[in-house]
Protein backbone atom coordinates (compact mmCIF):
# COMPACT_ATOMS: atom_id res chain seq x y z
CA MET A 1 -3.61 14.58 23.45
CA LEU A 2 -1.23 17.50 23.02
CA ILE A 3 2.05 16.66 21.28
CA ASN A 4 4.69 19.33 21.84
CA ASN A 5 8.39 19.94 21.28
CA ILE A 6 8.07 18.83 17.66
CA LYS A 7 11.24 19.73 15.73
CA SER A 8 9.20 19.96 12.51
CA LEU A 9 5.64 18.96 11.68
CA TYR A 10 5.54 17.56 8.12
CA GLY A 11 2.79 16.60 5.69
CA ILE A 12 0.38 19.44 6.43
CA VAL A 13 -2.41 19.69 3.87
CA GLU A 14 -5.08 22.38 4.10
CA GLY A 15 -8.52 21.60 2.75
CA ASP A 16 -9.81 18.56 0.90
CA VAL A 17 -6.74 17.68 -1.16
CA VAL A 18 -6.68 13.93 -1.87
CA LYS A 19 -3.55 13.55 -4.01
CA LYS A 20 -0.46 15.41 -5.19
CA CYS A 21 0.37 15.44 -8.92
CA GLY A 22 3.46 16.44 -10.86
CA ARG A 23 5.29 19.38 -9.32
CA GLU A 24 2.86 19.41 -6.39
CA MET A 25 4.57 16.25 -5.16
CA SER A 26 7.57 18.33 -4.07
CA GLU A 27 5.33 20.46 -1.84
CA VAL A 28 5.13 19.34 1.78
CA GLY A 29 3.50 21.62 4.33
CA LYS A 30 5.78 22.14 7.33
CA ILE A 31 5.87 23.99 10.66
CA ASP A 32 9.01 24.14 12.79
CA ASN A 33 8.94 24.16 16.62
CA ALA A 34 5.39 22.85 16.44
CA PHE A 35 2.57 21.31 18.43
CA LEU A 36 -0.31 19.06 17.37
CA LEU A 37 -3.60 18.53 19.22
CA THR A 38 -5.95 15.55 18.89
CA LYS A 39 -9.44 14.95 20.28
CA GLY A 40 -10.71 11.39 20.23
CA ARG A 41 -9.61 9.87 16.91
CA LYS A 42 -9.15 13.17 15.07
CA ILE A 43 -6.58 15.89 14.51
CA VAL A 44 -8.15 19.17 15.68
CA ASP A 45 -5.31 21.71 15.60
CA TYR A 46 -1.61 22.30 15.06
CA GLY A 47 0.73 25.25 14.87
CA SER A 48 3.79 26.93 16.33
CA MET A 49 4.63 26.55 20.00
CA ASN A 50 5.09 30.33 20.03
CA SER A 51 1.38 30.85 19.36
CA PRO A 52 -1.16 31.88 22.03
CA GLU A 53 -3.26 28.80 21.13
CA TYR A 54 -0.44 26.52 22.24
CA LYS A 55 -0.19 28.21 25.61
CA GLN A 56 -3.95 27.76 26.12
CA TYR A 57 -3.79 24.08 25.19
CA LEU A 58 -0.80 23.50 27.45
CA ALA A 59 -2.71 24.95 30.38
CA SER A 60 -5.87 22.90 29.76
CA GLU A 61 -4.78 19.54 28.32
CA LYS A 62 -4.18 16.72 30.80
CA LYS A 63 -2.33 14.42 28.39
CA VAL A 64 0.85 15.94 26.98
CA VAL A 65 3.26 13.90 24.84
CA ASP A 66 6.78 15.26 24.41
CA ALA A 67 8.12 14.63 20.89
CA LEU A 68 11.65 15.21 22.25
CA ASN A 69 12.68 17.18 19.18
CA GLY A 70 11.60 14.42 16.78
CA LEU A 71 9.62 15.00 13.62
CA VAL A 72 5.87 14.40 13.42
CA MET A 73 4.35 13.23 10.14
CA PRO A 74 1.38 11.24 8.85
CA ALA A 75 1.66 7.48 9.21
CA PHE A 76 2.45 5.59 6.03
CA CYS A 77 -0.41 4.14 3.99
CA ASP A 78 0.60 0.88 2.29
CA SER A 79 -1.79 0.43 -0.62
CA HIS A 80 -0.46 -2.89 -1.97
CA THR A 81 0.26 -5.92 0.22
CA HIS A 82 -0.29 -9.69 0.22
CA ILE A 83 0.39 -10.29 3.92
CA VAL A 84 -2.07 -13.14 4.57
CA TYR A 85 -0.08 -16.22 3.56
CA ALA A 86 0.97 -19.52 5.06
CA ASN A 87 4.60 -20.07 4.11
CA SER A 88 7.78 -18.22 3.32
CA ARG A 89 9.56 -18.92 0.02
CA GLU A 90 13.26 -18.63 0.72
CA THR A 91 13.96 -21.73 -1.39
CA GLU A 92 12.75 -19.78 -4.44
CA PHE A 93 14.96 -16.91 -3.33
CA VAL A 94 17.93 -19.23 -3.70
CA ASP A 95 16.58 -20.48 -7.07
CA LYS A 96 16.61 -16.87 -8.30
CA ILE A 97 20.21 -16.46 -7.13
CA ARG A 98 21.05 -19.53 -9.22
CA GLY A 99 19.53 -17.98 -12.32
CA LEU A 100 15.88 -19.04 -12.53
CA SER A 101 13.45 -16.28 -13.51
CA TYR A 102 10.14 -15.53 -11.79
CA GLU A 103 8.35 -16.93 -14.86
CA ASP A 104 10.45 -20.14 -14.77
CA ILE A 105 9.53 -20.72 -11.12
CA ALA A 106 5.85 -20.06 -11.79
CA LYS A 107 5.76 -22.46 -14.76
CA ARG A 108 6.95 -25.37 -12.65
CA GLY A 109 4.29 -24.79 -9.99
CA GLY A 110 6.22 -22.47 -7.70
CA GLY A 111 5.57 -18.83 -6.94
CA ILE A 112 1.93 -18.01 -6.29
CA LEU A 113 0.91 -21.67 -6.66
CA ASN A 114 3.37 -22.64 -3.95
CA SER A 115 1.72 -20.19 -1.54
CA ALA A 116 -1.75 -21.31 -2.63
CA LYS A 117 -0.99 -24.93 -1.72
CA ALA A 118 0.23 -23.95 1.77
CA THR A 119 -2.72 -21.59 2.29
CA ALA A 120 -5.21 -24.34 1.49
CA ALA A 121 -3.69 -26.45 4.28
CA ALA A 122 -3.64 -23.66 6.88
CA SER A 123 -6.47 -22.78 9.25
CA GLU A 124 -8.00 -19.32 9.56
CA ASP A 125 -6.48 -19.01 13.02
CA GLU A 126 -3.00 -19.82 11.72
CA LEU A 127 -3.32 -17.34 8.88
CA PHE A 128 -4.67 -14.64 11.20
CA GLU A 129 -1.94 -15.07 13.81
CA SER A 130 0.93 -14.98 11.29
CA ALA A 131 -0.57 -11.97 9.49
CA MET A 132 -0.95 -10.06 12.77
CA GLU A 133 2.74 -10.60 13.51
CA ARG A 134 3.55 -8.99 10.16
CA ILE A 135 1.15 -6.12 10.80
CA ASN A 136 2.67 -5.42 14.20
CA ASP A 137 6.10 -5.19 12.57
CA MET A 138 4.73 -2.85 9.89
CA VAL A 139 3.15 -0.61 12.53
CA ALA A 140 6.45 -0.50 14.41
CA HIS A 141 8.03 0.91 11.23
CA GLY A 142 5.36 3.57 10.73
CA THR A 143 2.47 2.06 8.75
CA GLY A 144 -1.04 3.00 9.82
CA ALA A 145 -3.20 1.84 6.90
CA ILE A 146 -2.89 -1.31 4.80
CA GLU A 147 -4.64 -2.72 1.77
CA ILE A 148 -4.52 -6.52 1.91
CA LYS A 149 -5.15 -8.66 -1.16
CA SER A 150 -6.32 -12.24 -1.33
CA GLY A 151 -4.94 -14.29 -4.22
CA TYR A 152 -3.10 -17.09 -2.45
CA GLY A 153 -6.24 -19.22 -2.51
CA LEU A 154 -7.10 -19.78 -6.18
CA THR A 155 -10.06 -21.92 -5.15
CA THR A 156 -13.40 -20.60 -3.98
CA GLU A 157 -12.99 -22.06 -0.51
CA SER A 158 -9.47 -20.73 0.02
CA GLU A 159 -10.16 -17.28 -1.41
CA LEU A 160 -13.12 -16.88 0.95
CA LYS A 161 -10.93 -18.06 3.82
CA LEU A 162 -8.32 -15.42 3.05
CA LEU A 163 -10.90 -12.65 2.83
CA ARG A 164 -12.48 -13.72 6.12
CA VAL A 165 -9.04 -13.50 7.73
CA ILE A 166 -8.65 -9.98 6.30
CA ARG A 167 -12.02 -9.04 7.78
CA ARG A 168 -10.89 -10.41 11.14
CA ILE A 169 -7.70 -8.32 10.94
CA ARG A 170 -9.81 -5.23 10.25
CA GLU A 171 -11.89 -5.97 13.34
CA ASN A 172 -8.94 -6.64 15.66
CA SER A 173 -6.12 -4.34 14.57
CA PRO A 174 -5.75 -0.58 15.14
CA VAL A 175 -4.62 -0.11 11.53
CA THR A 176 -7.07 0.92 8.83
CA VAL A 177 -7.57 -2.09 6.54
CA LYS A 178 -8.97 -2.34 3.02
CA ALA A 179 -9.71 -5.74 1.46
CA ASN A 180 -8.97 -6.62 -2.16
CA PHE A 181 -10.30 -9.74 -3.91
CA LEU A 182 -7.52 -11.04 -6.17
CA GLY A 183 -8.84 -14.44 -7.18
CA ALA A 184 -7.23 -13.78 -10.59
CA HIS A 185 -3.71 -13.75 -9.16
CA GLY A 186 -2.46 -16.88 -10.89
CA ILE A 187 -3.71 -19.75 -13.02
CA PRO A 188 -3.95 -23.07 -11.12
CA MET A 189 -2.07 -25.98 -12.69
CA GLU A 190 -5.29 -27.87 -13.40
CA TYR A 191 -6.52 -24.95 -15.55
CA ARG A 192 -3.36 -24.57 -17.63
CA GLY A 193 -4.31 -24.73 -21.31
CA HIS A 194 -7.94 -23.81 -20.65
CA GLN A 195 -7.68 -20.80 -18.34
CA GLN A 196 -11.01 -19.43 -19.57
CA ASP A 197 -12.64 -22.04 -17.34
CA TYR A 198 -10.83 -20.55 -14.36
CA VAL A 199 -11.87 -17.03 -15.40
CA ASP A 200 -15.46 -18.33 -15.52
CA LEU A 201 -15.05 -19.75 -12.01
CA VAL A 202 -13.85 -16.38 -10.70
CA ILE A 203 -16.74 -14.56 -12.36
CA ASN A 204 -19.62 -16.96 -11.83
CA GLU A 205 -18.81 -18.45 -8.44
CA MET A 206 -16.18 -16.53 -6.49
CA ILE A 207 -17.31 -12.94 -7.05
CA PRO A 208 -20.99 -13.52 -6.10
CA LEU A 209 -19.97 -15.32 -2.89
CA VAL A 210 -17.42 -12.64 -1.97
CA ALA A 211 -20.07 -9.99 -2.53
CA ALA A 212 -22.69 -11.89 -0.54
CA GLU A 213 -20.47 -11.72 2.56
CA GLU A 214 -19.32 -8.15 1.77
CA LEU A 215 -15.70 -9.28 2.03
CA ALA A 216 -13.97 -7.00 -0.50
CA ASP A 217 -13.66 -3.30 -1.28
CA PHE A 218 -11.74 -3.86 -4.52
CA ILE A 219 -11.52 -6.32 -7.41
CA ASP A 220 -8.04 -6.98 -8.82
CA VAL A 221 -6.43 -8.95 -11.67
CA PHE A 222 -2.82 -9.86 -12.50
CA CYS A 223 -2.93 -8.63 -16.11
CA ASP A 224 0.49 -9.52 -17.45
CA LYS A 225 2.55 -11.83 -19.63
CA GLY A 226 2.01 -15.44 -18.58
CA PHE A 227 -0.99 -14.58 -16.41
CA PHE A 228 -4.33 -13.01 -17.41
CA THR A 229 -5.00 -11.32 -20.73
CA CYS A 230 -6.63 -7.94 -21.24
CA GLU A 231 -9.80 -9.74 -22.33
CA ASP A 232 -9.79 -11.86 -19.17
CA THR A 233 -9.19 -8.75 -17.10
CA GLU A 234 -12.06 -6.81 -18.64
CA ARG A 235 -14.50 -9.66 -18.02
CA ILE A 236 -13.44 -10.00 -14.37
CA LEU A 237 -13.49 -6.26 -13.70
CA MET A 238 -16.97 -5.89 -15.20
CA ALA A 239 -18.24 -8.69 -12.97
CA GLY A 240 -16.70 -7.08 -9.89
CA ILE A 241 -18.06 -3.64 -10.73
CA LYS A 242 -21.53 -5.18 -10.99
CA TYR A 243 -21.21 -6.15 -7.32
CA GLY A 244 -19.87 -2.79 -6.17
CA MET A 245 -16.12 -3.56 -6.09
CA ARG A 246 -13.87 -0.84 -7.48
CA PRO A 247 -11.18 -2.08 -9.91
CA LYS A 248 -7.44 -2.26 -9.34
CA ILE A 249 -4.89 -3.96 -11.60
CA HIS A 250 -1.47 -5.59 -11.32
CA ALA A 251 -0.05 -4.36 -14.62
CA ASN A 252 3.17 -4.25 -16.64
CA GLU A 253 5.48 -6.09 -14.24
CA MET A 254 6.73 -8.61 -16.81
CA ALA A 255 5.83 -6.85 -20.06
CA VAL A 256 3.86 -3.98 -21.56
CA SER A 257 0.62 -5.86 -21.16
CA GLY A 258 -2.11 -3.33 -21.93
CA GLY A 259 -3.15 -3.50 -18.29
CA VAL A 260 -2.69 0.24 -17.74
CA GLN A 261 -5.07 1.02 -20.58
CA VAL A 262 -7.64 -1.46 -19.25
CA GLY A 263 -7.34 0.07 -15.80
CA VAL A 264 -8.00 3.58 -17.07
CA LYS A 265 -10.88 2.35 -19.23
CA TYR A 266 -12.62 0.85 -16.19
CA ASP A 267 -11.78 3.72 -13.81
CA ALA A 268 -9.43 1.63 -11.68
CA ILE A 269 -8.42 3.48 -8.53
CA SER A 270 -4.85 2.35 -9.17
CA VAL A 271 -2.66 0.39 -11.55
CA ASP A 272 0.26 -1.20 -9.72
CA HIS A 273 3.80 -2.43 -10.50
CA LEU A 274 4.52 -0.56 -13.79
CA GLU A 275 8.10 -1.77 -14.17
CA GLN A 276 7.46 -1.86 -17.93
CA MET A 277 6.13 1.54 -18.99
CA GLY A 278 6.20 3.47 -22.24
CA GLN A 279 5.04 6.89 -23.34
CA ALA A 280 1.68 5.44 -24.39
CA GLU A 281 0.99 4.34 -20.81
CA ILE A 282 1.99 7.74 -19.42
CA GLU A 283 -0.27 9.52 -21.89
CA CYS A 284 -3.12 7.15 -21.08
CA LEU A 285 -2.87 7.98 -17.36
CA LYS A 286 -3.07 11.74 -17.96
CA ASP A 287 -6.50 13.22 -17.18
CA SER A 288 -7.58 9.96 -15.51
CA ASP A 289 -8.48 9.33 -11.88
CA THR A 290 -6.22 6.26 -11.76
CA MET A 291 -3.20 6.37 -9.44
CA PRO A 292 0.01 4.87 -10.89
CA THR A 293 1.54 2.86 -8.03
CA ILE A 294 5.16 1.74 -8.06
CA LEU A 295 6.43 -1.13 -5.89
CA PRO A 296 10.15 -0.46 -5.32
CA GLY A 297 10.67 -3.49 -3.07
CA CYS A 298 9.61 -5.88 -5.83
CA ALA A 299 11.88 -4.30 -8.44
CA PHE A 300 14.73 -4.36 -5.91
CA PHE A 301 14.19 -7.99 -4.89
CA LEU A 302 13.75 -9.31 -8.45
CA ASN A 303 16.23 -6.91 -10.05
CA LEU A 304 13.55 -5.68 -12.45
CA PRO A 305 13.68 -2.54 -14.59
CA LEU A 306 12.72 0.59 -12.68
CA SER A 307 9.39 2.25 -13.37
CA PRO A 308 9.99 5.73 -14.86
CA ALA A 309 8.86 7.66 -11.79
CA ARG A 310 10.61 10.91 -12.72
CA GLU A 311 9.15 10.87 -16.22
CA MET A 312 5.68 10.35 -14.79
CA ILE A 313 6.05 13.20 -12.31
CA GLU A 314 7.46 15.51 -14.99
CA ALA A 315 4.46 14.62 -17.17
CA GLY A 316 2.20 15.90 -14.39
CA LEU A 317 1.10 12.53 -13.01
CA PRO A 318 0.76 11.60 -9.37
CA VAL A 319 2.90 8.69 -8.17
CA ALA A 320 2.27 6.38 -5.22
CA MET A 321 4.76 3.89 -3.80
CA ALA A 322 3.78 0.83 -1.74
CA SER A 323 5.60 -2.19 -0.32
CA ASP A 324 4.05 -5.16 -2.20
CA PHE A 325 4.79 -7.15 0.99
CA ASN A 326 4.49 -10.81 -0.05
CA PRO A 327 6.47 -14.02 0.49
CA GLY A 328 7.83 -14.40 -3.03
CA THR A 329 8.81 -11.09 -4.62
CA ALA A 330 8.90 -8.46 -1.86
CA PRO A 331 9.27 -9.99 1.62
CA SER A 332 9.29 -6.68 3.50
CA GLY A 333 6.61 -4.26 4.66
CA ASN A 334 9.06 -1.55 5.77
CA MET A 335 7.76 1.68 4.24
CA GLN A 336 10.80 3.58 5.50
CA MET A 337 12.81 1.38 3.16
CA VAL A 338 10.34 2.17 0.36
CA MET A 339 11.07 5.87 0.95
CA SER A 340 14.81 5.17 0.76
CA LEU A 341 14.44 3.22 -2.48
CA ALA A 342 12.23 6.01 -3.88
CA CYS A 343 15.06 8.48 -3.36
CA ILE A 344 18.09 6.28 -4.09
CA ARG A 345 16.86 4.36 -7.12
CA TYR A 346 13.98 6.42 -8.53
CA LYS A 347 15.53 9.85 -7.79
CA LEU A 348 12.56 11.27 -5.93
CA THR A 349 13.28 14.01 -3.42
CA PRO A 350 12.44 13.23 0.23
CA GLU A 351 9.38 15.48 -0.08
CA GLU A 352 8.16 13.62 -3.16
CA ALA A 353 8.82 10.30 -1.46
CA LEU A 354 6.78 11.37 1.57
CA ASN A 355 3.79 12.30 -0.60
CA ALA A 356 4.20 9.06 -2.57
CA THR A 357 3.98 6.93 0.60
CA THR A 358 1.31 8.86 2.52
CA LEU A 359 -1.26 11.01 0.71
CA ASN A 360 -1.00 9.34 -2.71
CA THR A 361 -1.08 5.83 -1.28
CA ALA A 362 -4.07 6.88 0.83
CA TYR A 363 -5.75 7.87 -2.43
CA ALA A 364 -4.81 4.52 -3.98
CA MET A 365 -6.70 2.69 -1.22
CA ASP A 366 -9.59 5.18 -1.14
CA VAL A 367 -8.92 6.62 2.33
CA ALA A 368 -7.41 10.01 1.42
CA HIS A 369 -10.39 11.86 2.87
CA GLU A 370 -9.49 10.39 6.28
CA LEU A 371 -5.75 9.63 6.20
CA GLY A 372 -2.45 10.43 4.52
CA SER A 373 -1.80 13.98 5.73
CA ILE A 374 -1.79 16.28 8.75
CA THR A 375 -5.18 17.87 8.20
CA LYS A 376 -7.74 19.11 10.70
CA GLY A 377 -10.58 16.60 10.90
CA LYS A 378 -8.57 13.64 9.60
CA ILE A 379 -7.91 10.56 11.72
CA ALA A 380 -4.85 10.95 13.95
CA ASN A 381 -2.57 8.28 12.46
CA ILE A 382 0.77 9.85 13.26
CA ILE A 383 4.46 8.99 13.47
CA ILE A 384 6.70 10.63 16.05
CA THR A 385 10.28 10.02 14.94
CA LYS A 386 13.44 9.81 16.94
CA PRO A 387 15.29 13.15 17.11
CA MET A 388 16.53 14.28 13.69
CA ASN A 389 17.09 17.54 11.86
CA SER A 390 14.82 17.12 8.87
CA ILE A 391 12.84 14.75 6.70
CA ASP A 392 15.98 14.21 4.61
CA PHE A 393 17.33 11.93 7.33
CA LEU A 394 14.48 9.41 6.90
CA PRO A 395 15.51 8.03 3.48
CA TYR A 396 19.20 8.80 4.03
CA TYR A 397 19.65 6.65 7.14
CA TYR A 398 18.30 3.53 5.47
CA GLY A 399 17.86 0.19 7.18
CA PHE A 400 17.28 1.58 10.67
CA ASN A 401 13.91 2.16 12.32
CA LYS A 402 13.46 5.87 13.00
CA VAL A 403 10.03 5.59 14.70
CA ALA A 404 9.91 6.60 18.37
CA LYS A 405 6.13 6.49 18.88
CA MET A 406 3.12 5.48 16.79
CA ILE A 407 -0.31 7.03 17.27
CA LEU A 408 -3.24 5.29 15.57
CA ASN A 409 -6.82 6.53 15.88
CA GLY A 410 -5.60 9.13 18.37
CA LYS A 411 -4.02 6.58 20.73
CA ILE A 412 -0.41 5.64 21.33
CA VAL A 413 0.18 2.01 20.36
CA ASN A 414 2.97 -0.25 21.53
CA VAL A 415 5.67 -0.74 18.89
């Protein structure tokens, strides 16, 4: 496939660069009046339409796609979602409007426990079909890779059911899918007051069964005020590591929980949320391989404090931004909106926001060697936008879908 008449080709990365840190985040490789060539699933070449290579390709390639003066860029990688669930939670949305906090709702059996109850009653087919509808909408808005977490089961049977649905999505969808076992997402009501017994259940029963079916790439814990302690988190992560699952952590959404430090200690590939961050957490992340991942949709929806993205970038850290698509605290998987929030609320430049939602999120889900940039040899997961002058228009014109065509694995998909 030869894509021509590209106004500007963005997100070019030469060589084996897997993340952008600090000032590097403002660097986005770009070619104006460009072409891009794919073979099979891979990107094989790109350059200026004034080059002799382009003229050769134009003469020999049978399939030519006209970008119609749109931009071409890597598809978004969404490294934090909870899109396999059985029910929406708009009643809790109204409760929040009336003044109840997220913690208040959780204490009375709402929140995660609400979704867990509905998930237990749903069949695998029902969960699969509803999740695929969400994925199709995400693809239509530019997402080409998704990490999906379990965590709305909270029993062994339901957690396995969720992970089997995620495996089925991986087998049937053109998007790249990574699976995350988040059995430690909430504490079931029957374990309140003796949550160590639930931690034991996660470690001694759930993790071995998840590993036996090879259902998860990552192990995750909600390490925060009112949920799991640092000690709980360490025990669960060590058990997951034993079975080959790389750690991730939900950390510092409600309070400075120590979760960032635990994540770095256990070489977590990412620590996510980070609405509550101090200088100690920033210092801890320096010289680590852990990607700090901000979830702007959650902070927007819950009116939470904003993670100090600018301070992290100025300290030399990389920053990733994902959707947190879930029914309770971030009911949207629109990564274009994440880019807009990154610029409007967190004061990232459009270039920084692009790196935060493509290459750095690819790193956060361990696919940066294959996705997240326009690089020869990487998988051709590509957005062709509607005509626009520059990347600045993407976050500026918020709330509207700017995708004209989506290419996943080197093939145009219906959006």
